[in-house]
């Protein structure tokens, strides 16, 4: 999340609307509310408490050296029609897609002239 938060303005200019989803119970071991209080994020943060979304997308990580009944770290890019254009599923809990790859996919989906990107007003 940290690398995404640092580049939030660029991602918004590329037309992205982000949502974080964690396969975690509200009162689970990692206490998401406490984490978010200490590390606020600017995009919605949703909890997949029963792991139904995680399982539906093949991201459930039942057991591994660094995982026990949680999600693989993943990044999905969904187009405006609700179709998945890109999915990156990390092999372990520290395996993340590069921001260059994410921005490349977004640029391919939303080609915008450079002048328009710099002059586009921000949405609240």
N, C-alpha and C. Protein backbone atom coordinates (compact mmCIF):
# COMPACT_ATOMS: atom_id res chain seq x y z
N UNK A 1 0.81 -1.19 0.00
CA UNK A 1 0.00 0.00 0.00
C UNK A 1 0.85 1.25 0.00
N UNK A 2 2.02 1.16 0.61
CA UNK A 2 2.86 2.35 0.73
C UNK A 2 3.26 2.88 -0.64
N UNK A 3 3.65 1.99 -1.57
CA UNK A 3 4.08 2.46 -2.88
C UNK A 3 2.91 3.06 -3.66
N UNK A 4 1.72 2.55 -3.45
CA UNK A 4 0.54 3.09 -4.12
C UNK A 4 0.21 4.47 -3.56
N UNK A 5 0.23 4.60 -2.25
CA UNK A 5 -0.09 5.89 -1.62
C UNK A 5 0.88 6.99 -2.08
N UNK A 6 2.14 6.65 -2.26
CA UNK A 6 3.12 7.64 -2.70
C UNK A 6 2.84 8.15 -4.11
N UNK A 7 2.15 7.33 -4.92
CA UNK A 7 1.91 7.71 -6.32
C UNK A 7 0.42 7.87 -6.61
N UNK A 8 -0.34 8.17 -5.58
CA UNK A 8 -1.80 8.28 -5.72
C UNK A 8 -2.22 9.32 -6.74
N UNK A 9 -1.55 10.46 -6.79
CA UNK A 9 -1.92 11.51 -7.74
C UNK A 9 -1.71 11.04 -9.18
N UNK A 10 -0.59 10.39 -9.41
CA UNK A 10 -0.31 9.87 -10.75
C UNK A 10 -1.35 8.82 -11.15
N UNK A 11 -1.70 7.94 -10.23
CA UNK A 11 -2.69 6.91 -10.52
C UNK A 11 -4.05 7.52 -10.83
N UNK A 12 -4.43 8.54 -10.09
CA UNK A 12 -5.71 9.21 -10.36
C UNK A 12 -5.68 9.88 -11.73
N UNK A 13 -4.56 10.50 -12.09
CA UNK A 13 -4.45 11.15 -13.40
C UNK A 13 -4.56 10.13 -14.53
N UNK A 14 -4.19 8.90 -14.25
CA UNK A 14 -4.29 7.84 -15.25
C UNK A 14 -5.68 7.21 -15.27
N UNK A 15 -6.60 7.76 -14.49
CA UNK A 15 -7.98 7.30 -14.50
C UNK A 15 -8.28 6.18 -13.51
N UNK A 16 -7.37 5.88 -12.62
CA UNK A 16 -7.57 4.78 -11.68
C UNK A 16 -8.44 5.19 -10.50
N UNK A 17 -9.30 4.29 -10.09
CA UNK A 17 -10.05 4.39 -8.85
C UNK A 17 -9.66 3.15 -8.06
N UNK A 18 -8.99 3.33 -6.96
CA UNK A 18 -8.45 2.19 -6.22
C UNK A 18 -9.29 1.81 -5.03
N UNK A 19 -9.20 0.53 -4.69
CA UNK A 19 -9.82 -0.02 -3.49
C UNK A 19 -8.85 -1.06 -2.94
N UNK A 20 -8.59 -0.99 -1.66
CA UNK A 20 -7.79 -2.02 -1.00
C UNK A 20 -8.75 -3.05 -0.42
N UNK A 21 -8.42 -4.32 -0.57
CA UNK A 21 -9.22 -5.39 0.02
C UNK A 21 -8.29 -6.29 0.81
N UNK A 22 -8.65 -6.54 2.06
CA UNK A 22 -7.85 -7.42 2.92
C UNK A 22 -8.70 -8.60 3.36
N UNK A 23 -8.13 -9.80 3.24
CA UNK A 23 -8.79 -11.02 3.72
C UNK A 23 -8.51 -11.11 5.22
N UNK A 24 -9.27 -10.35 5.96
CA UNK A 24 -9.02 -10.21 7.40
C UNK A 24 -10.35 -9.94 8.09
N UNK A 25 -10.48 -10.48 9.26
CA UNK A 25 -11.66 -10.21 10.08
C UNK A 25 -11.48 -8.87 10.80
N UNK A 26 -12.56 -8.18 10.95
CA UNK A 26 -12.54 -6.86 11.61
C UNK A 26 -11.82 -6.92 12.95
N UNK A 27 -12.07 -7.96 13.73
CA UNK A 27 -11.43 -8.11 15.04
C UNK A 27 -10.37 -9.19 15.02
N UNK A 28 -9.81 -9.44 13.85
CA UNK A 28 -8.82 -10.50 13.70
C UNK A 28 -7.46 -10.15 14.28
N UNK A 29 -6.54 -11.05 14.08
CA UNK A 29 -5.19 -10.94 14.63
C UNK A 29 -4.51 -9.62 14.31
N UNK A 30 -4.65 -9.13 13.08
CA UNK A 30 -3.90 -7.93 12.64
C UNK A 30 -4.63 -6.63 12.95
N UNK A 31 -5.84 -6.68 13.45
CA UNK A 31 -6.59 -5.48 13.87
C UNK A 31 -6.53 -4.37 12.81
N UNK A 32 -7.24 -4.54 11.70
CA UNK A 32 -7.18 -3.56 10.61
C UNK A 32 -7.48 -2.12 11.04
N UNK A 33 -8.43 -1.93 11.93
CA UNK A 33 -8.77 -0.56 12.36
C UNK A 33 -7.58 0.11 13.03
N UNK A 34 -6.86 -0.64 13.84
CA UNK A 34 -5.67 -0.08 14.50
C UNK A 34 -4.59 0.25 13.48
N UNK A 35 -4.40 -0.64 12.52
CA UNK A 35 -3.39 -0.40 11.48
C UNK A 35 -3.74 0.86 10.68
N UNK A 36 -4.99 0.97 10.27
CA UNK A 36 -5.40 2.11 9.46
C UNK A 36 -5.37 3.42 10.25
N UNK A 37 -5.58 3.35 11.55
CA UNK A 37 -5.48 4.56 12.37
C UNK A 37 -4.03 5.06 12.40
N UNK A 38 -3.09 4.13 12.41
CA UNK A 38 -1.68 4.50 12.45
C UNK A 38 -1.12 4.76 11.05
N UNK A 39 -1.73 4.18 10.02
CA UNK A 39 -1.26 4.30 8.64
C UNK A 39 -2.44 4.62 7.72
N UNK A 40 -2.96 5.84 7.77
CA UNK A 40 -4.14 6.16 6.97
C UNK A 40 -3.87 6.03 5.47
N UNK A 41 -4.91 5.65 4.75
CA UNK A 41 -4.83 5.53 3.30
C UNK A 41 -5.91 6.40 2.68
N UNK A 42 -5.71 6.80 1.44
CA UNK A 42 -6.65 7.72 0.82
C UNK A 42 -7.67 7.02 -0.08
N UNK A 43 -7.60 5.71 -0.17
CA UNK A 43 -8.56 4.95 -0.97
C UNK A 43 -9.38 4.07 -0.04
N UNK A 44 -10.57 3.66 -0.47
CA UNK A 44 -11.38 2.79 0.39
C UNK A 44 -10.64 1.50 0.75
N UNK A 45 -10.85 1.03 1.97
CA UNK A 45 -10.23 -0.20 2.48
C UNK A 45 -11.35 -1.12 2.92
N UNK A 46 -11.50 -2.24 2.23
CA UNK A 46 -12.58 -3.17 2.49
C UNK A 46 -12.04 -4.46 3.10
N UNK A 47 -12.85 -5.09 3.93
CA UNK A 47 -12.47 -6.36 4.54
C UNK A 47 -13.27 -7.49 3.91
N UNK A 48 -12.57 -8.52 3.48
CA UNK A 48 -13.17 -9.75 2.96
C UNK A 48 -13.15 -10.75 4.11
N UNK A 49 -14.04 -10.55 5.07
CA UNK A 49 -13.98 -11.29 6.32
C UNK A 49 -14.19 -12.79 6.18
N UNK A 50 -14.97 -13.22 5.19
CA UNK A 50 -15.18 -14.65 5.00
C UNK A 50 -14.34 -15.22 3.84
N UNK A 51 -13.48 -14.39 3.29
CA UNK A 51 -12.57 -14.76 2.19
C UNK A 51 -13.31 -15.17 0.92
N UNK A 52 -14.57 -14.82 0.78
CA UNK A 52 -15.32 -15.21 -0.41
C UNK A 52 -14.79 -14.55 -1.68
N UNK A 53 -14.43 -13.28 -1.59
CA UNK A 53 -13.87 -12.58 -2.75
C UNK A 53 -12.48 -13.13 -3.07
N UNK A 54 -11.70 -13.32 -2.03
CA UNK A 54 -10.34 -13.85 -2.18
C UNK A 54 -10.38 -15.21 -2.88
N UNK A 55 -11.29 -16.07 -2.45
CA UNK A 55 -11.42 -17.40 -3.05
C UNK A 55 -11.95 -17.33 -4.48
N UNK A 56 -12.92 -16.45 -4.72
CA UNK A 56 -13.51 -16.33 -6.05
C UNK A 56 -12.48 -15.93 -7.11
N UNK A 57 -11.48 -15.17 -6.72
CA UNK A 57 -10.45 -14.73 -7.66
C UNK A 57 -9.20 -15.59 -7.61
N UNK A 58 -9.25 -16.70 -6.90
CA UNK A 58 -8.10 -17.60 -6.83
C UNK A 58 -6.93 -17.04 -6.05
N UNK A 59 -7.21 -16.20 -5.07
CA UNK A 59 -6.15 -15.53 -4.32
C UNK A 59 -6.00 -16.04 -2.90
N UNK A 60 -6.80 -17.03 -2.52
CA UNK A 60 -6.75 -17.56 -1.17
C UNK A 60 -5.44 -18.33 -0.97
N UNK A 61 -4.77 -18.05 0.12
CA UNK A 61 -3.47 -18.65 0.44
C UNK A 61 -3.64 -19.44 1.73
N UNK A 62 -3.98 -20.71 1.58
CA UNK A 62 -4.34 -21.52 2.74
C UNK A 62 -3.18 -21.70 3.71
N UNK A 63 -2.02 -22.12 3.19
CA UNK A 63 -0.90 -22.40 4.07
C UNK A 63 0.42 -22.30 3.30
N UNK A 64 1.34 -21.56 3.86
CA UNK A 64 2.69 -21.43 3.30
C UNK A 64 3.61 -20.97 4.43
N UNK A 65 4.86 -20.90 4.12
CA UNK A 65 5.84 -20.44 5.12
C UNK A 65 5.47 -19.08 5.70
N UNK A 66 4.91 -18.21 4.87
CA UNK A 66 4.58 -16.85 5.33
C UNK A 66 3.08 -16.56 5.26
N UNK A 67 2.25 -17.61 5.22
CA UNK A 67 0.81 -17.37 5.10
C UNK A 67 0.01 -18.49 5.76
N UNK A 68 -1.09 -18.08 6.38
CA UNK A 68 -2.02 -19.04 6.96
C UNK A 68 -3.43 -18.48 6.83
N UNK A 69 -4.18 -19.03 5.91
CA UNK A 69 -5.56 -18.65 5.65
C UNK A 69 -5.73 -17.14 5.41
N UNK A 70 -4.94 -16.61 4.50
CA UNK A 70 -5.04 -15.20 4.10
C UNK A 70 -4.99 -15.14 2.58
N UNK A 71 -4.92 -13.97 2.04
CA UNK A 71 -4.85 -13.79 0.59
C UNK A 71 -3.41 -13.68 0.13
N UNK A 72 -3.17 -14.16 -1.09
CA UNK A 72 -1.92 -13.81 -1.76
C UNK A 72 -1.98 -12.30 -2.01
N UNK A 73 -0.87 -11.61 -1.90
CA UNK A 73 -0.91 -10.20 -2.30
C UNK A 73 -1.20 -10.15 -3.81
N UNK A 74 -2.09 -9.29 -4.19
CA UNK A 74 -2.48 -9.24 -5.59
C UNK A 74 -2.86 -7.83 -6.00
N UNK A 75 -2.72 -7.57 -7.29
CA UNK A 75 -3.16 -6.33 -7.89
C UNK A 75 -4.00 -6.70 -9.10
N UNK A 76 -5.20 -6.17 -9.15
CA UNK A 76 -6.09 -6.38 -10.29
C UNK A 76 -6.42 -5.03 -10.89
N UNK A 77 -6.42 -4.96 -12.20
CA UNK A 77 -6.87 -3.76 -12.90
C UNK A 77 -8.14 -4.17 -13.64
N UNK A 78 -9.23 -3.50 -13.29
CA UNK A 78 -10.54 -3.79 -13.85
C UNK A 78 -10.95 -2.61 -14.72
N UNK A 79 -11.41 -2.90 -15.93
CA UNK A 79 -11.78 -1.80 -16.82
C UNK A 79 -13.16 -1.26 -16.45
N UNK A 80 -13.59 -0.25 -17.16
CA UNK A 80 -14.86 0.41 -16.84
C UNK A 80 -16.07 -0.50 -17.06
N UNK A 81 -15.88 -1.59 -17.80
CA UNK A 81 -16.96 -2.55 -18.04
C UNK A 81 -16.96 -3.69 -17.03
N UNK A 82 -16.07 -3.60 -16.04
CA UNK A 82 -16.01 -4.63 -15.01
C UNK A 82 -15.20 -5.86 -15.37
N UNK A 83 -14.47 -5.79 -16.48
CA UNK A 83 -13.65 -6.93 -16.91
C UNK A 83 -12.23 -6.76 -16.39
N UNK A 84 -11.65 -7.86 -15.93
CA UNK A 84 -10.27 -7.82 -15.45
C UNK A 84 -9.33 -7.73 -16.64
N UNK A 85 -8.53 -6.68 -16.67
CA UNK A 85 -7.56 -6.45 -17.74
C UNK A 85 -6.17 -6.97 -17.35
N UNK A 86 -5.91 -7.02 -16.05
CA UNK A 86 -4.58 -7.38 -15.57
C UNK A 86 -4.72 -7.94 -14.17
N UNK A 87 -3.97 -9.01 -13.89
CA UNK A 87 -3.92 -9.54 -12.54
C UNK A 87 -2.50 -9.98 -12.23
N UNK A 88 -2.04 -9.58 -11.08
CA UNK A 88 -0.74 -10.01 -10.58
C UNK A 88 -0.98 -10.67 -9.23
N UNK A 89 -0.60 -11.94 -9.12
CA UNK A 89 -0.75 -12.69 -7.87
C UNK A 89 0.65 -12.99 -7.33
N UNK A 90 0.97 -12.40 -6.20
CA UNK A 90 2.28 -12.62 -5.60
C UNK A 90 2.44 -14.04 -5.08
N UNK A 91 3.64 -14.55 -5.17
CA UNK A 91 3.91 -15.90 -4.67
C UNK A 91 4.00 -15.95 -3.16
N UNK A 92 4.46 -14.87 -2.55
CA UNK A 92 4.59 -14.78 -1.10
C UNK A 92 4.12 -13.43 -0.63
N UNK A 93 4.11 -13.22 0.67
CA UNK A 93 3.55 -12.00 1.24
C UNK A 93 4.36 -10.74 0.93
N UNK A 94 5.56 -10.87 0.46
CA UNK A 94 6.35 -9.69 0.10
C UNK A 94 6.46 -9.50 -1.41
N UNK A 95 5.84 -10.36 -2.19
CA UNK A 95 5.92 -10.30 -3.64
C UNK A 95 4.84 -9.37 -4.18
N UNK A 96 5.25 -8.25 -4.73
CA UNK A 96 4.33 -7.24 -5.25
C UNK A 96 4.68 -6.89 -6.69
N UNK A 97 3.69 -6.45 -7.43
CA UNK A 97 3.90 -5.98 -8.79
C UNK A 97 4.59 -4.62 -8.73
N UNK A 98 5.35 -4.31 -9.77
CA UNK A 98 6.02 -3.00 -9.80
C UNK A 98 5.02 -1.91 -10.20
N UNK A 99 5.25 -0.73 -9.69
CA UNK A 99 4.40 0.40 -10.05
C UNK A 99 4.52 0.71 -11.54
N UNK A 100 5.68 0.45 -12.13
CA UNK A 100 5.86 0.69 -13.56
C UNK A 100 4.91 -0.20 -14.37
N UNK A 101 4.72 -1.43 -13.93
CA UNK A 101 3.81 -2.32 -14.63
C UNK A 101 2.36 -1.86 -14.48
N UNK A 102 2.00 -1.43 -13.29
CA UNK A 102 0.64 -0.95 -13.05
C UNK A 102 0.36 0.29 -13.90
N UNK A 103 1.26 1.26 -13.87
CA UNK A 103 1.02 2.48 -14.64
C UNK A 103 1.03 2.20 -16.14
N UNK A 104 1.82 1.23 -16.58
CA UNK A 104 1.82 0.85 -17.99
C UNK A 104 0.47 0.30 -18.43
N UNK A 105 -0.12 -0.55 -17.62
CA UNK A 105 -1.45 -1.10 -17.92
C UNK A 105 -2.48 0.02 -17.94
N UNK A 106 -2.42 0.92 -16.97
CA UNK A 106 -3.37 2.03 -16.93
C UNK A 106 -3.22 2.94 -18.14
N UNK A 107 -2.00 3.19 -18.56
CA UNK A 107 -1.78 4.04 -19.75
C UNK A 107 -2.35 3.37 -20.99
N UNK A 108 -2.21 2.05 -21.09
CA UNK A 108 -2.77 1.34 -22.24
C UNK A 108 -4.29 1.41 -22.25
N UNK A 109 -4.91 1.36 -21.07
CA UNK A 109 -6.37 1.41 -20.98
C UNK A 109 -6.93 2.81 -21.15
N UNK A 110 -6.19 3.82 -20.72
CA UNK A 110 -6.67 5.20 -20.71
C UNK A 110 -5.67 6.14 -21.36
N UNK A 111 -5.44 5.97 -22.66
CA UNK A 111 -4.48 6.87 -23.28
C UNK A 111 -4.97 8.32 -23.23
N UNK A 112 -4.17 9.15 -22.60
CA UNK A 112 -4.51 10.57 -22.44
C UNK A 112 -3.29 11.38 -22.87
N UNK A 113 -3.48 12.38 -23.73
CA UNK A 113 -2.34 13.23 -24.08
C UNK A 113 -1.74 13.86 -22.84
N UNK A 114 -0.43 14.04 -22.85
CA UNK A 114 0.29 14.58 -21.69
C UNK A 114 -0.28 15.92 -21.25
N UNK A 115 -0.63 16.79 -22.19
CA UNK A 115 -1.17 18.10 -21.84
C UNK A 115 -2.48 17.96 -21.07
N UNK A 116 -3.33 17.00 -21.45
CA UNK A 116 -4.60 16.80 -20.75
C UNK A 116 -4.37 16.29 -19.33
N UNK A 117 -3.37 15.46 -19.13
CA UNK A 117 -3.10 14.89 -17.81
C UNK A 117 -2.70 16.00 -16.84
N UNK A 118 -1.85 16.91 -17.28
CA UNK A 118 -1.37 17.94 -16.38
C UNK A 118 -2.43 18.99 -16.09
N UNK A 119 -3.44 19.13 -16.99
CA UNK A 119 -4.43 20.18 -16.79
C UNK A 119 -5.77 19.64 -16.24
N UNK A 120 -5.90 18.33 -16.11
CA UNK A 120 -7.15 17.74 -15.65
C UNK A 120 -7.41 18.12 -14.20
N UNK A 121 -8.60 18.66 -13.89
CA UNK A 121 -8.89 18.98 -12.48
C UNK A 121 -9.06 17.70 -11.68
N UNK A 122 -8.67 17.77 -10.43
CA UNK A 122 -8.79 16.62 -9.55
C UNK A 122 -10.23 16.49 -9.06
N UNK A 123 -10.66 15.23 -8.93
CA UNK A 123 -11.97 14.95 -8.35
C UNK A 123 -11.81 14.88 -6.84
N UNK A 124 -12.79 15.34 -6.12
CA UNK A 124 -12.70 15.31 -4.65
C UNK A 124 -12.70 13.89 -4.10
